[in-house]
Amino acid sequence: MNTQKILSRFGVACLIGMAWPAIADDSKTVMHGWDENGVWELNADGKSDPVSSAQLYSEMRIQGGQHARNYRHQILTGDFTCDGVFDRIVGWVDLDNPEGPFFALLFVTNHGAKAQSELRYIPFKQSEQFALCIYDETAPPVLSWQENEVEFMREVVGNDELCNIGIRVDDFMCDAPQFFYSEKPDANDEHWAFFRN
């Protein structure tokens, strides 16, 4: 028997020996976040998970319809609920509504280990407070965030119990609508409070 065959058989024997304990071990090891069937559990053990891309796009389809993800959209990722866990917010110009274009704004969070999502449609009408001024096919409104001082929240916004991170939608023609997260939902069971200067 030549040396090459001996080394080859020895290598195969080593591989089988190293793999055998894993094959023989039939105990189920469940990793954090996965159940015993290998299915991912969101917010396992009561701990908040960051919002994933899959969760965001799933909510986008559920809340905004099957065509929502096909629109050009902007995504903000960060802690916008002041709980130390990353949230995702997405905005796009929705052209499916028969009443005309709207700016769709979807907030997806796992605040307090509870998955939450809220969709707001902002019209393009100068005459309304809860609206953007102008619709431009070539330049959609810009989605951004802004951290504010506690004094600003108390004196200007009028509520320092809100998270001090404001989500802004700018069309650069009028004051930007802003949204702030509130742990306590309002009368409509919504957590994102609207504010405009």
N, C-alpha and C. Protein backbone atom coordinates (compact mmCIF):
# COMPACT_ATOMS: atom_id res chain seq x y z
N MET A 1 0.85 -1.17 0.00
CA MET A 1 0.00 0.00 0.00
C MET A 1 0.90 1.23 0.00
N ASN A 2 0.65 2.12 -0.92
CA ASN A 2 1.53 3.28 -1.00
C ASN A 2 1.12 4.34 0.04
N THR A 3 2.00 5.29 0.24
CA THR A 3 1.83 6.32 1.26
C THR A 3 0.61 7.20 1.00
N GLN A 4 0.33 7.47 -0.26
CA GLN A 4 -0.80 8.34 -0.60
C GLN A 4 -2.12 7.71 -0.18
N LYS A 5 -2.29 6.40 -0.41
CA LYS A 5 -3.51 5.71 -0.01
C LYS A 5 -3.66 5.68 1.50
N ILE A 6 -2.56 5.46 2.19
CA ILE A 6 -2.59 5.42 3.65
C ILE A 6 -3.02 6.76 4.21
N LEU A 7 -2.44 7.84 3.68
CA LEU A 7 -2.80 9.19 4.16
C LEU A 7 -4.25 9.53 3.83
N SER A 8 -4.70 9.08 2.66
CA SER A 8 -6.08 9.35 2.26
C SER A 8 -7.05 8.65 3.20
N ARG A 9 -6.79 7.37 3.51
CA ARG A 9 -7.67 6.63 4.42
C ARG A 9 -7.61 7.21 5.82
N PHE A 10 -6.44 7.62 6.24
CA PHE A 10 -6.29 8.22 7.56
C PHE A 10 -7.10 9.53 7.64
N GLY A 11 -7.06 10.34 6.58
CA GLY A 11 -7.82 11.60 6.53
C GLY A 11 -9.30 11.36 6.62
N VAL A 12 -9.80 10.34 5.89
CA VAL A 12 -11.23 10.00 5.92
C VAL A 12 -11.62 9.52 7.32
N ALA A 13 -10.78 8.71 7.93
CA ALA A 13 -11.06 8.22 9.28
C ALA A 13 -11.13 9.37 10.28
N CYS A 14 -10.25 10.34 10.13
CA CYS A 14 -10.26 11.50 11.03
C CYS A 14 -11.53 12.31 10.86
N LEU A 15 -11.94 12.51 9.61
CA LEU A 15 -13.16 13.26 9.34
C LEU A 15 -14.39 12.57 9.92
N ILE A 16 -14.46 11.24 9.77
CA ILE A 16 -15.59 10.49 10.32
C ILE A 16 -15.57 10.57 11.83
N GLY A 17 -14.41 10.47 12.41
CA GLY A 17 -14.29 10.55 13.87
C GLY A 17 -14.70 11.90 14.41
N MET A 18 -14.35 12.95 13.67
CA MET A 18 -14.72 14.29 14.14
C MET A 18 -16.21 14.54 13.96
N ALA A 19 -16.81 13.99 12.93
CA ALA A 19 -18.21 14.23 12.65
C ALA A 19 -19.12 13.30 13.44
N TRP A 20 -18.61 12.13 13.85
CA TRP A 20 -19.45 11.12 14.49
C TRP A 20 -20.17 11.60 15.75
N PRO A 21 -19.52 12.33 16.68
CA PRO A 21 -20.25 12.78 17.87
C PRO A 21 -21.45 13.66 17.51
N ALA A 22 -21.32 14.48 16.48
CA ALA A 22 -22.43 15.34 16.08
C ALA A 22 -23.56 14.52 15.50
N ILE A 23 -23.23 13.45 14.76
CA ILE A 23 -24.26 12.59 14.18
C ILE A 23 -24.93 11.78 15.28
N ALA A 24 -24.16 11.31 16.25
CA ALA A 24 -24.69 10.46 17.31
C ALA A 24 -25.50 11.25 18.33
N ASP A 25 -25.24 12.54 18.48
CA ASP A 25 -25.93 13.34 19.48
C ASP A 25 -27.31 13.74 18.98
N ASP A 26 -28.35 13.10 19.53
CA ASP A 26 -29.70 13.42 19.07
C ASP A 26 -30.41 14.40 20.00
N SER A 27 -29.71 14.95 20.98
CA SER A 27 -30.34 15.94 21.85
C SER A 27 -30.58 17.23 21.06
N LYS A 28 -31.69 17.90 21.35
CA LYS A 28 -32.03 19.12 20.62
C LYS A 28 -31.43 20.32 21.33
N THR A 29 -30.59 21.04 20.65
CA THR A 29 -30.03 22.27 21.18
C THR A 29 -30.80 23.41 20.55
N VAL A 30 -31.51 24.18 21.37
CA VAL A 30 -32.31 25.29 20.86
C VAL A 30 -31.54 26.58 21.12
N MET A 31 -31.19 27.27 20.03
CA MET A 31 -30.46 28.53 20.17
C MET A 31 -31.43 29.66 20.49
N HIS A 32 -30.94 30.71 21.15
CA HIS A 32 -31.75 31.87 21.50
C HIS A 32 -32.44 32.44 20.26
N GLY A 33 -33.74 32.60 20.35
CA GLY A 33 -34.50 33.18 19.26
C GLY A 33 -35.15 32.17 18.34
N TRP A 34 -34.76 30.89 18.45
CA TRP A 34 -35.33 29.85 17.60
C TRP A 34 -36.10 28.87 18.47
N ASP A 35 -37.28 28.45 18.03
CA ASP A 35 -38.01 27.47 18.81
C ASP A 35 -37.52 26.06 18.48
N GLU A 36 -38.12 25.04 19.12
CA GLU A 36 -37.63 23.67 18.94
C GLU A 36 -37.82 23.13 17.53
N ASN A 37 -38.66 23.80 16.72
CA ASN A 37 -38.87 23.39 15.33
C ASN A 37 -38.01 24.17 14.35
N GLY A 38 -37.12 25.00 14.86
CA GLY A 38 -36.24 25.78 14.00
C GLY A 38 -36.89 27.01 13.42
N VAL A 39 -37.97 27.46 14.06
CA VAL A 39 -38.67 28.66 13.59
C VAL A 39 -38.24 29.85 14.44
N TRP A 40 -37.93 30.96 13.77
CA TRP A 40 -37.47 32.15 14.48
C TRP A 40 -38.61 32.78 15.26
N GLU A 41 -38.39 33.07 16.54
CA GLU A 41 -39.38 33.74 17.38
C GLU A 41 -38.95 35.18 17.56
N LEU A 42 -39.77 36.10 17.14
CA LEU A 42 -39.47 37.51 17.32
C LEU A 42 -39.54 37.84 18.80
N ASN A 43 -38.56 38.58 19.30
CA ASN A 43 -38.53 39.02 20.69
C ASN A 43 -38.56 37.85 21.67
N ALA A 44 -37.78 36.81 21.40
CA ALA A 44 -37.73 35.65 22.27
C ALA A 44 -37.28 36.06 23.67
N ASP A 45 -37.77 35.36 24.67
CA ASP A 45 -37.45 35.61 26.08
C ASP A 45 -37.83 37.02 26.52
N GLY A 46 -38.77 37.65 25.84
CA GLY A 46 -39.23 38.98 26.26
C GLY A 46 -38.25 40.10 25.97
N LYS A 47 -37.20 39.82 25.21
CA LYS A 47 -36.21 40.85 24.88
C LYS A 47 -36.51 41.40 23.49
N SER A 48 -36.41 42.70 23.34
CA SER A 48 -36.71 43.32 22.04
C SER A 48 -35.58 43.07 21.06
N ASP A 49 -35.94 42.61 19.87
CA ASP A 49 -34.99 42.44 18.78
C ASP A 49 -35.04 43.67 17.89
N PRO A 50 -33.93 44.05 17.26
CA PRO A 50 -33.98 45.12 16.27
C PRO A 50 -34.91 44.71 15.12
N VAL A 51 -35.54 45.68 14.51
CA VAL A 51 -36.41 45.40 13.37
C VAL A 51 -35.53 44.97 12.19
N SER A 52 -35.82 43.83 11.62
CA SER A 52 -35.04 43.30 10.49
C SER A 52 -35.61 43.80 9.17
N SER A 53 -34.83 43.63 8.11
CA SER A 53 -35.32 43.98 6.78
C SER A 53 -36.53 43.14 6.40
N ALA A 54 -36.49 41.85 6.75
CA ALA A 54 -37.62 40.97 6.43
C ALA A 54 -38.89 41.43 7.14
N GLN A 55 -38.76 41.82 8.40
CA GLN A 55 -39.92 42.31 9.15
C GLN A 55 -40.44 43.60 8.54
N LEU A 56 -39.54 44.51 8.17
CA LEU A 56 -39.94 45.77 7.56
C LEU A 56 -40.70 45.55 6.26
N TYR A 57 -40.15 44.73 5.36
CA TYR A 57 -40.80 44.51 4.07
C TYR A 57 -42.10 43.72 4.19
N SER A 58 -42.17 42.85 5.18
CA SER A 58 -43.42 42.15 5.44
C SER A 58 -44.50 43.14 5.85
N GLU A 59 -44.17 44.03 6.78
CA GLU A 59 -45.14 45.05 7.22
C GLU A 59 -45.48 46.02 6.08
N MET A 60 -44.50 46.30 5.26
CA MET A 60 -44.73 47.20 4.12
C MET A 60 -45.77 46.60 3.18
N ARG A 61 -45.68 45.30 2.97
CA ARG A 61 -46.64 44.63 2.09
C ARG A 61 -48.01 44.54 2.75
N ILE A 62 -48.04 44.18 4.03
CA ILE A 62 -49.31 44.04 4.75
C ILE A 62 -50.02 45.38 4.86
N GLN A 63 -49.28 46.40 5.28
CA GLN A 63 -49.89 47.70 5.53
C GLN A 63 -50.08 48.53 4.27
N GLY A 64 -49.11 48.46 3.35
CA GLY A 64 -49.15 49.34 2.18
C GLY A 64 -49.60 48.68 0.90
N GLY A 65 -49.79 47.35 0.91
CA GLY A 65 -50.24 46.65 -0.29
C GLY A 65 -49.09 46.00 -1.04
N GLN A 66 -49.45 45.16 -1.99
CA GLN A 66 -48.46 44.35 -2.69
C GLN A 66 -47.49 45.15 -3.55
N HIS A 67 -47.86 46.37 -3.94
CA HIS A 67 -46.97 47.16 -4.80
C HIS A 67 -46.05 48.10 -4.00
N ALA A 68 -46.25 48.17 -2.69
CA ALA A 68 -45.53 49.16 -1.88
C ALA A 68 -44.02 49.06 -2.02
N ARG A 69 -43.47 47.86 -1.94
CA ARG A 69 -42.02 47.72 -1.98
C ARG A 69 -41.43 48.02 -3.35
N ASN A 70 -42.29 48.06 -4.39
CA ASN A 70 -41.80 48.37 -5.73
C ASN A 70 -41.57 49.86 -5.96
N TYR A 71 -42.19 50.68 -5.12
CA TYR A 71 -41.96 52.12 -5.22
C TYR A 71 -40.56 52.45 -4.71
N ARG A 72 -39.98 53.52 -5.24
CA ARG A 72 -38.72 54.00 -4.66
C ARG A 72 -39.03 54.43 -3.24
N HIS A 73 -38.28 53.90 -2.30
CA HIS A 73 -38.55 54.22 -0.91
C HIS A 73 -37.27 54.55 -0.16
N GLN A 74 -37.45 55.28 0.94
CA GLN A 74 -36.34 55.69 1.79
C GLN A 74 -36.53 54.99 3.13
N ILE A 75 -35.42 54.51 3.71
CA ILE A 75 -35.48 53.81 4.98
C ILE A 75 -34.59 54.50 6.00
N LEU A 76 -35.13 54.72 7.19
CA LEU A 76 -34.34 55.20 8.33
C LEU A 76 -34.20 54.04 9.31
N THR A 77 -32.99 53.82 9.80
CA THR A 77 -32.74 52.78 10.79
C THR A 77 -32.07 53.43 11.99
N GLY A 78 -32.62 53.23 13.16
CA GLY A 78 -32.06 53.81 14.38
C GLY A 78 -33.03 53.63 15.53
N ASP A 79 -32.63 54.10 16.69
CA ASP A 79 -33.49 54.03 17.88
C ASP A 79 -34.38 55.27 17.90
N PHE A 80 -35.59 55.16 17.38
CA PHE A 80 -36.52 56.28 17.29
C PHE A 80 -37.60 56.23 18.36
N THR A 81 -37.53 55.22 19.25
CA THR A 81 -38.51 55.11 20.32
C THR A 81 -37.86 55.25 21.70
N CYS A 82 -36.56 55.56 21.71
CA CYS A 82 -35.81 55.81 22.96
C CYS A 82 -35.80 54.60 23.89
N ASP A 83 -35.69 53.39 23.32
CA ASP A 83 -35.63 52.19 24.16
C ASP A 83 -34.32 51.41 23.97
N GLY A 84 -33.40 51.96 23.15
CA GLY A 84 -32.12 51.29 22.95
C GLY A 84 -32.14 50.20 21.89
N VAL A 85 -33.24 50.03 21.18
CA VAL A 85 -33.37 49.00 20.16
C VAL A 85 -33.66 49.66 18.82
N PHE A 86 -32.99 49.18 17.77
CA PHE A 86 -33.16 49.79 16.44
C PHE A 86 -34.55 49.53 15.86
N ASP A 87 -35.15 50.61 15.37
CA ASP A 87 -36.42 50.58 14.67
C ASP A 87 -36.15 50.86 13.20
N ARG A 88 -37.16 50.68 12.37
CA ARG A 88 -37.04 51.04 10.95
C ARG A 88 -38.29 51.80 10.53
N ILE A 89 -38.04 52.86 9.78
CA ILE A 89 -39.11 53.69 9.27
C ILE A 89 -38.89 53.84 7.77
N VAL A 90 -39.95 53.66 7.01
CA VAL A 90 -39.84 53.72 5.55
C VAL A 90 -40.88 54.69 5.01
N GLY A 91 -40.49 55.45 3.99
CA GLY A 91 -41.40 56.39 3.36
C GLY A 91 -41.34 56.28 1.85
N TRP A 92 -42.49 56.43 1.20
CA TRP A 92 -42.55 56.38 -0.26
C TRP A 92 -43.77 57.15 -0.75
N VAL A 93 -43.72 57.58 -1.99
CA VAL A 93 -44.87 58.24 -2.60
C VAL A 93 -45.77 57.14 -3.16
N ASP A 94 -46.97 57.04 -2.60
CA ASP A 94 -47.93 56.01 -2.99
C ASP A 94 -48.82 56.57 -4.10
N LEU A 95 -48.77 55.93 -5.26
CA LEU A 95 -49.56 56.38 -6.41
C LEU A 95 -50.78 55.50 -6.67
N ASP A 96 -51.06 54.55 -5.76
CA ASP A 96 -52.18 53.62 -5.95
C ASP A 96 -53.53 54.20 -5.55
N ASN A 97 -53.54 55.24 -4.74
CA ASN A 97 -54.79 55.78 -4.23
C ASN A 97 -55.54 56.53 -5.33
N PRO A 98 -56.83 56.25 -5.53
CA PRO A 98 -57.58 56.95 -6.58
C PRO A 98 -57.78 58.44 -6.30
N GLU A 99 -57.57 58.86 -5.04
CA GLU A 99 -57.71 60.28 -4.69
C GLU A 99 -56.44 61.08 -4.98
N GLY A 100 -55.46 60.44 -5.55
CA GLY A 100 -54.23 61.15 -5.88
C GLY A 100 -53.05 60.62 -5.10
N PRO A 101 -51.87 61.18 -5.32
CA PRO A 101 -50.68 60.69 -4.62
C PRO A 101 -50.70 61.09 -3.14
N PHE A 102 -50.15 60.21 -2.33
CA PHE A 102 -49.95 60.44 -0.90
C PHE A 102 -48.53 60.04 -0.56
N PHE A 103 -47.98 60.66 0.49
CA PHE A 103 -46.70 60.19 1.00
C PHE A 103 -47.01 59.19 2.10
N ALA A 104 -46.59 57.94 1.91
CA ALA A 104 -46.84 56.88 2.89
C ALA A 104 -45.64 56.81 3.84
N LEU A 105 -45.94 56.75 5.12
CA LEU A 105 -44.91 56.71 6.15
C LEU A 105 -45.23 55.54 7.08
N LEU A 106 -44.36 54.52 7.08
CA LEU A 106 -44.58 53.32 7.87
C LEU A 106 -43.55 53.23 8.99
N PHE A 107 -44.04 53.16 10.22
CA PHE A 107 -43.20 53.05 11.42
C PHE A 107 -43.24 51.59 11.89
N VAL A 108 -42.09 50.92 11.96
CA VAL A 108 -42.04 49.53 12.42
C VAL A 108 -41.08 49.46 13.61
N THR A 109 -41.61 49.02 14.76
CA THR A 109 -40.81 48.94 15.98
C THR A 109 -41.08 47.62 16.70
N ASN A 110 -40.18 47.28 17.61
CA ASN A 110 -40.39 46.15 18.52
C ASN A 110 -40.30 46.67 19.95
N HIS A 111 -40.89 47.81 20.21
CA HIS A 111 -40.78 48.48 21.50
C HIS A 111 -41.38 47.62 22.61
N GLY A 112 -40.60 47.45 23.68
CA GLY A 112 -41.08 46.65 24.81
C GLY A 112 -41.33 45.20 24.44
N ALA A 113 -40.57 44.69 23.46
CA ALA A 113 -40.70 43.31 22.98
C ALA A 113 -42.06 43.06 22.35
N LYS A 114 -42.72 44.12 21.89
CA LYS A 114 -44.00 43.97 21.19
C LYS A 114 -43.86 44.58 19.80
N ALA A 115 -44.09 43.76 18.78
CA ALA A 115 -44.01 44.25 17.40
C ALA A 115 -45.15 45.23 17.15
N GLN A 116 -44.82 46.42 16.67
CA GLN A 116 -45.81 47.45 16.38
C GLN A 116 -45.52 48.03 15.01
N SER A 117 -46.57 48.34 14.28
CA SER A 117 -46.38 49.08 13.03
C SER A 117 -47.58 49.99 12.83
N GLU A 118 -47.29 51.17 12.34
CA GLU A 118 -48.34 52.15 12.05
C GLU A 118 -48.04 52.78 10.70
N LEU A 119 -49.07 52.93 9.89
CA LEU A 119 -48.93 53.54 8.57
C LEU A 119 -49.72 54.83 8.55
N ARG A 120 -49.07 55.89 8.10
CA ARG A 120 -49.74 57.19 7.94
C ARG A 120 -49.63 57.60 6.48
N TYR A 121 -50.73 58.10 5.94
CA TYR A 121 -50.74 58.66 4.59
C TYR A 121 -50.84 60.17 4.71
N ILE A 122 -49.84 60.86 4.19
CA ILE A 122 -49.82 62.33 4.24
C ILE A 122 -50.18 62.86 2.86
N PRO A 123 -51.27 63.63 2.76
CA PRO A 123 -51.67 64.15 1.45
C PRO A 123 -50.78 65.30 0.99
N PHE A 124 -50.86 65.60 -0.28
CA PHE A 124 -50.17 66.76 -0.85
C PHE A 124 -51.23 67.84 -1.07
N LYS A 125 -51.55 68.59 0.00
CA LYS A 125 -52.57 69.64 -0.08
C LYS A 125 -52.13 70.78 0.82
N GLN A 126 -51.88 71.93 0.23
CA GLN A 126 -51.44 73.09 1.02
C GLN A 126 -52.48 73.55 2.02
N SER A 127 -53.73 73.26 1.77
CA SER A 127 -54.81 73.79 2.61
C SER A 127 -54.96 73.06 3.94
N GLU A 128 -54.30 71.91 4.12
CA GLU A 128 -54.47 71.13 5.34
C GLU A 128 -53.22 71.18 6.22
N GLN A 129 -53.45 71.14 7.53
CA GLN A 129 -52.35 71.16 8.49
C GLN A 129 -51.54 69.85 8.40
N PHE A 130 -52.26 68.73 8.31
CA PHE A 130 -51.61 67.42 8.24
C PHE A 130 -51.38 67.09 6.77
N ALA A 131 -50.46 67.84 6.13
CA ALA A 131 -50.22 67.64 4.69
C ALA A 131 -48.86 68.18 4.30
N LEU A 132 -48.44 67.77 3.12
CA LEU A 132 -47.26 68.34 2.47
C LEU A 132 -47.77 69.35 1.45
N CYS A 133 -46.93 70.29 1.09
CA CYS A 133 -47.39 71.38 0.21
C CYS A 133 -47.48 70.99 -1.25
N ILE A 134 -46.46 70.31 -1.76
CA ILE A 134 -46.41 70.14 -3.22
C ILE A 134 -45.90 68.74 -3.59
N TYR A 135 -46.51 68.19 -4.63
CA TYR A 135 -46.07 66.90 -5.16
C TYR A 135 -45.23 67.14 -6.41
N ASP A 136 -44.03 66.62 -6.42
CA ASP A 136 -43.13 66.75 -7.55
C ASP A 136 -42.67 65.35 -7.94
N GLU A 137 -43.01 64.91 -9.15
CA GLU A 137 -42.66 63.56 -9.60
C GLU A 137 -41.16 63.30 -9.60
N THR A 138 -40.38 64.34 -9.80
CA THR A 138 -38.93 64.16 -9.91
C THR A 138 -38.19 64.29 -8.58
N ALA A 139 -38.86 64.81 -7.56
CA ALA A 139 -38.20 65.02 -6.27
C ALA A 139 -39.16 64.70 -5.13
N PRO A 140 -39.18 63.45 -4.67
CA PRO A 140 -40.08 63.10 -3.56
C PRO A 140 -39.64 63.76 -2.26
N PRO A 141 -40.55 63.91 -1.30
CA PRO A 141 -40.16 64.46 0.00
C PRO A 141 -39.02 63.65 0.62
N VAL A 142 -38.23 64.31 1.43
CA VAL A 142 -37.06 63.67 2.05
C VAL A 142 -37.39 63.27 3.47
N LEU A 143 -37.07 62.04 3.80
CA LEU A 143 -37.29 61.49 5.13
C LEU A 143 -36.00 61.65 5.93
N SER A 144 -36.11 62.20 7.16
CA SER A 144 -34.92 62.37 8.00
C SER A 144 -35.33 62.32 9.46
N TRP A 145 -34.35 62.36 10.36
CA TRP A 145 -34.64 62.38 11.79
C TRP A 145 -33.85 63.50 12.45
N GLN A 146 -34.33 63.92 13.61
CA GLN A 146 -33.68 65.02 14.32
C GLN A 146 -33.81 64.78 15.83
N GLU A 147 -32.70 64.88 16.52
CA GLU A 147 -32.72 64.75 17.98
C GLU A 147 -32.93 66.13 18.58
N ASN A 148 -33.86 66.23 19.52
CA ASN A 148 -34.23 67.51 20.12
C ASN A 148 -33.90 67.54 21.61
N GLU A 149 -33.66 68.74 22.11
CA GLU A 149 -33.42 68.93 23.55
C GLU A 149 -34.73 68.76 24.32
N VAL A 150 -34.61 68.39 25.59
CA VAL A 150 -35.79 68.21 26.44
C VAL A 150 -36.59 69.51 26.54
N GLU A 151 -35.88 70.66 26.58
CA GLU A 151 -36.57 71.95 26.66
C GLU A 151 -37.43 72.19 25.42
N PHE A 152 -36.91 71.81 24.26
CA PHE A 152 -37.68 71.94 23.01
C PHE A 152 -38.94 71.09 23.08
N MET A 153 -38.79 69.87 23.56
CA MET A 153 -39.93 68.97 23.66
C MET A 153 -41.00 69.55 24.61
N ARG A 154 -40.55 70.13 25.69
CA ARG A 154 -41.48 70.68 26.68
C ARG A 154 -42.11 71.98 26.20
N GLU A 155 -41.27 72.90 25.70
CA GLU A 155 -41.75 74.26 25.40
C GLU A 155 -42.35 74.40 24.00
N VAL A 156 -41.81 73.69 23.01
CA VAL A 156 -42.29 73.85 21.64
C VAL A 156 -43.30 72.76 21.26
N VAL A 157 -42.90 71.50 21.48
CA VAL A 157 -43.79 70.39 21.13
C VAL A 157 -44.94 70.30 22.14
N GLY A 158 -44.63 70.63 23.39
CA GLY A 158 -45.67 70.63 24.42
C GLY A 158 -45.81 69.31 25.16
N ASN A 159 -44.82 68.42 25.02
CA ASN A 159 -44.91 67.14 25.72
C ASN A 159 -43.50 66.55 25.84
N ASP A 160 -42.92 66.63 27.04
CA ASP A 160 -41.57 66.11 27.22
C ASP A 160 -41.56 64.63 27.59
N GLU A 161 -42.73 63.98 27.55
CA GLU A 161 -42.79 62.53 27.77
C GLU A 161 -42.62 61.76 26.47
N LEU A 162 -42.70 62.47 25.34
CA LEU A 162 -42.46 61.83 24.05
C LEU A 162 -40.97 61.56 23.87
N CYS A 163 -40.63 60.57 23.06
CA CYS A 163 -39.23 60.36 22.68
C CYS A 163 -38.76 61.61 21.95
N ASN A 164 -37.56 62.06 22.24
CA ASN A 164 -37.09 63.34 21.68
C ASN A 164 -36.50 63.24 20.27
N ILE A 165 -36.65 62.08 19.62
CA ILE A 165 -36.20 61.92 18.24
C ILE A 165 -37.39 62.17 17.32
N GLY A 166 -37.29 63.20 16.51
CA GLY A 166 -38.38 63.53 15.59
C GLY A 166 -38.12 62.97 14.21
N ILE A 167 -39.13 62.35 13.62
CA ILE A 167 -39.06 61.88 12.23
C ILE A 167 -39.67 62.97 11.36
N ARG A 168 -38.88 63.50 10.43
CA ARG A 168 -39.30 64.65 9.60
C ARG A 168 -39.54 64.22 8.16
N VAL A 169 -40.55 64.86 7.56
CA VAL A 169 -40.82 64.67 6.13
C VAL A 169 -40.77 66.05 5.50
N ASP A 170 -39.74 66.30 4.68
CA ASP A 170 -39.50 67.63 4.10
C ASP A 170 -39.80 67.65 2.61
N ASP A 171 -40.69 68.57 2.20
CA ASP A 171 -40.83 68.83 0.76
C ASP A 171 -40.17 70.17 0.40
N PHE A 172 -39.60 70.83 1.41
CA PHE A 172 -38.84 72.08 1.27
C PHE A 172 -39.68 73.24 0.75
N MET A 173 -40.99 73.11 0.83
CA MET A 173 -41.89 74.19 0.42
C MET A 173 -42.68 74.75 1.62
N CYS A 174 -42.83 73.95 2.66
CA CYS A 174 -43.54 74.41 3.86
C CYS A 174 -42.94 73.70 5.07
N ASP A 175 -43.40 74.05 6.27
CA ASP A 175 -42.86 73.44 7.49
C ASP A 175 -43.00 71.92 7.44
N ALA A 176 -41.97 71.24 7.88
CA ALA A 176 -41.95 69.78 7.81
C ALA A 176 -42.84 69.16 8.87
N PRO A 177 -43.73 68.25 8.47
CA PRO A 177 -44.45 67.45 9.47
C PRO A 177 -43.43 66.60 10.23
N GLN A 178 -43.66 66.45 11.53
CA GLN A 178 -42.78 65.62 12.35
C GLN A 178 -43.61 64.65 13.16
N PHE A 179 -43.01 63.53 13.51
CA PHE A 179 -43.68 62.52 14.32
C PHE A 179 -42.75 62.12 15.46
N PHE A 180 -43.34 62.00 16.66
CA PHE A 180 -42.60 61.62 17.86
C PHE A 180 -43.29 60.41 18.49
N TYR A 181 -42.47 59.48 18.99
CA TYR A 181 -43.03 58.26 19.58
C TYR A 181 -43.50 58.50 21.01
N SER A 182 -44.68 57.97 21.31
CA SER A 182 -45.23 58.01 22.66
C SER A 182 -45.50 56.58 23.12
N GLU A 183 -45.06 56.25 24.34
CA GLU A 183 -45.35 54.91 24.87
C GLU A 183 -46.83 54.71 25.05
N LYS A 184 -47.53 55.79 25.43
CA LYS A 184 -48.97 55.70 25.64
C LYS A 184 -49.68 56.03 24.33
N PRO A 185 -50.47 55.09 23.80
CA PRO A 185 -51.18 55.39 22.56
C PRO A 185 -52.27 56.43 22.78
N ASP A 186 -52.63 57.13 21.70
CA ASP A 186 -53.69 58.14 21.80
C ASP A 186 -55.06 57.47 21.67
N ALA A 187 -56.10 58.28 21.51
CA ALA A 187 -57.47 57.76 21.42
C ALA A 187 -57.67 56.84 20.22
N ASN A 188 -56.85 57.01 19.17
CA ASN A 188 -56.94 56.15 17.99
C ASN A 188 -56.00 54.94 18.07
N ASP A 189 -55.41 54.72 19.26
CA ASP A 189 -54.47 53.62 19.49
C ASP A 189 -53.21 53.76 18.65
N GLU A 190 -52.79 55.01 18.40
CA GLU A 190 -51.58 55.29 17.65
C GLU A 190 -50.49 55.81 18.58
N HIS A 191 -49.26 55.35 18.35
CA HIS A 191 -48.12 55.74 19.19
C HIS A 191 -47.34 56.92 18.63
N TRP A 192 -47.49 57.23 17.35
CA TRP A 192 -46.69 58.27 16.73
C TRP A 192 -47.47 59.56 16.67
N ALA A 193 -47.04 60.53 17.49
CA ALA A 193 -47.73 61.82 17.60
C ALA A 193 -47.26 62.77 16.51
N PHE A 194 -48.22 63.41 15.85
CA PHE A 194 -47.93 64.37 14.79
C PHE A 194 -47.63 65.74 15.40
N PHE A 195 -46.65 66.45 14.82
CA PHE A 195 -46.33 67.80 15.27
C PHE A 195 -45.88 68.61 14.06
N ARG A 196 -46.29 69.88 14.07
CA ARG A 196 -45.81 70.81 13.04
C ARG A 196 -45.70 72.19 13.67
N ASN A 197 -44.61 72.88 13.36
CA ASN A 197 -44.42 74.24 13.91
C ASN A 197 -45.52 75.17 13.45
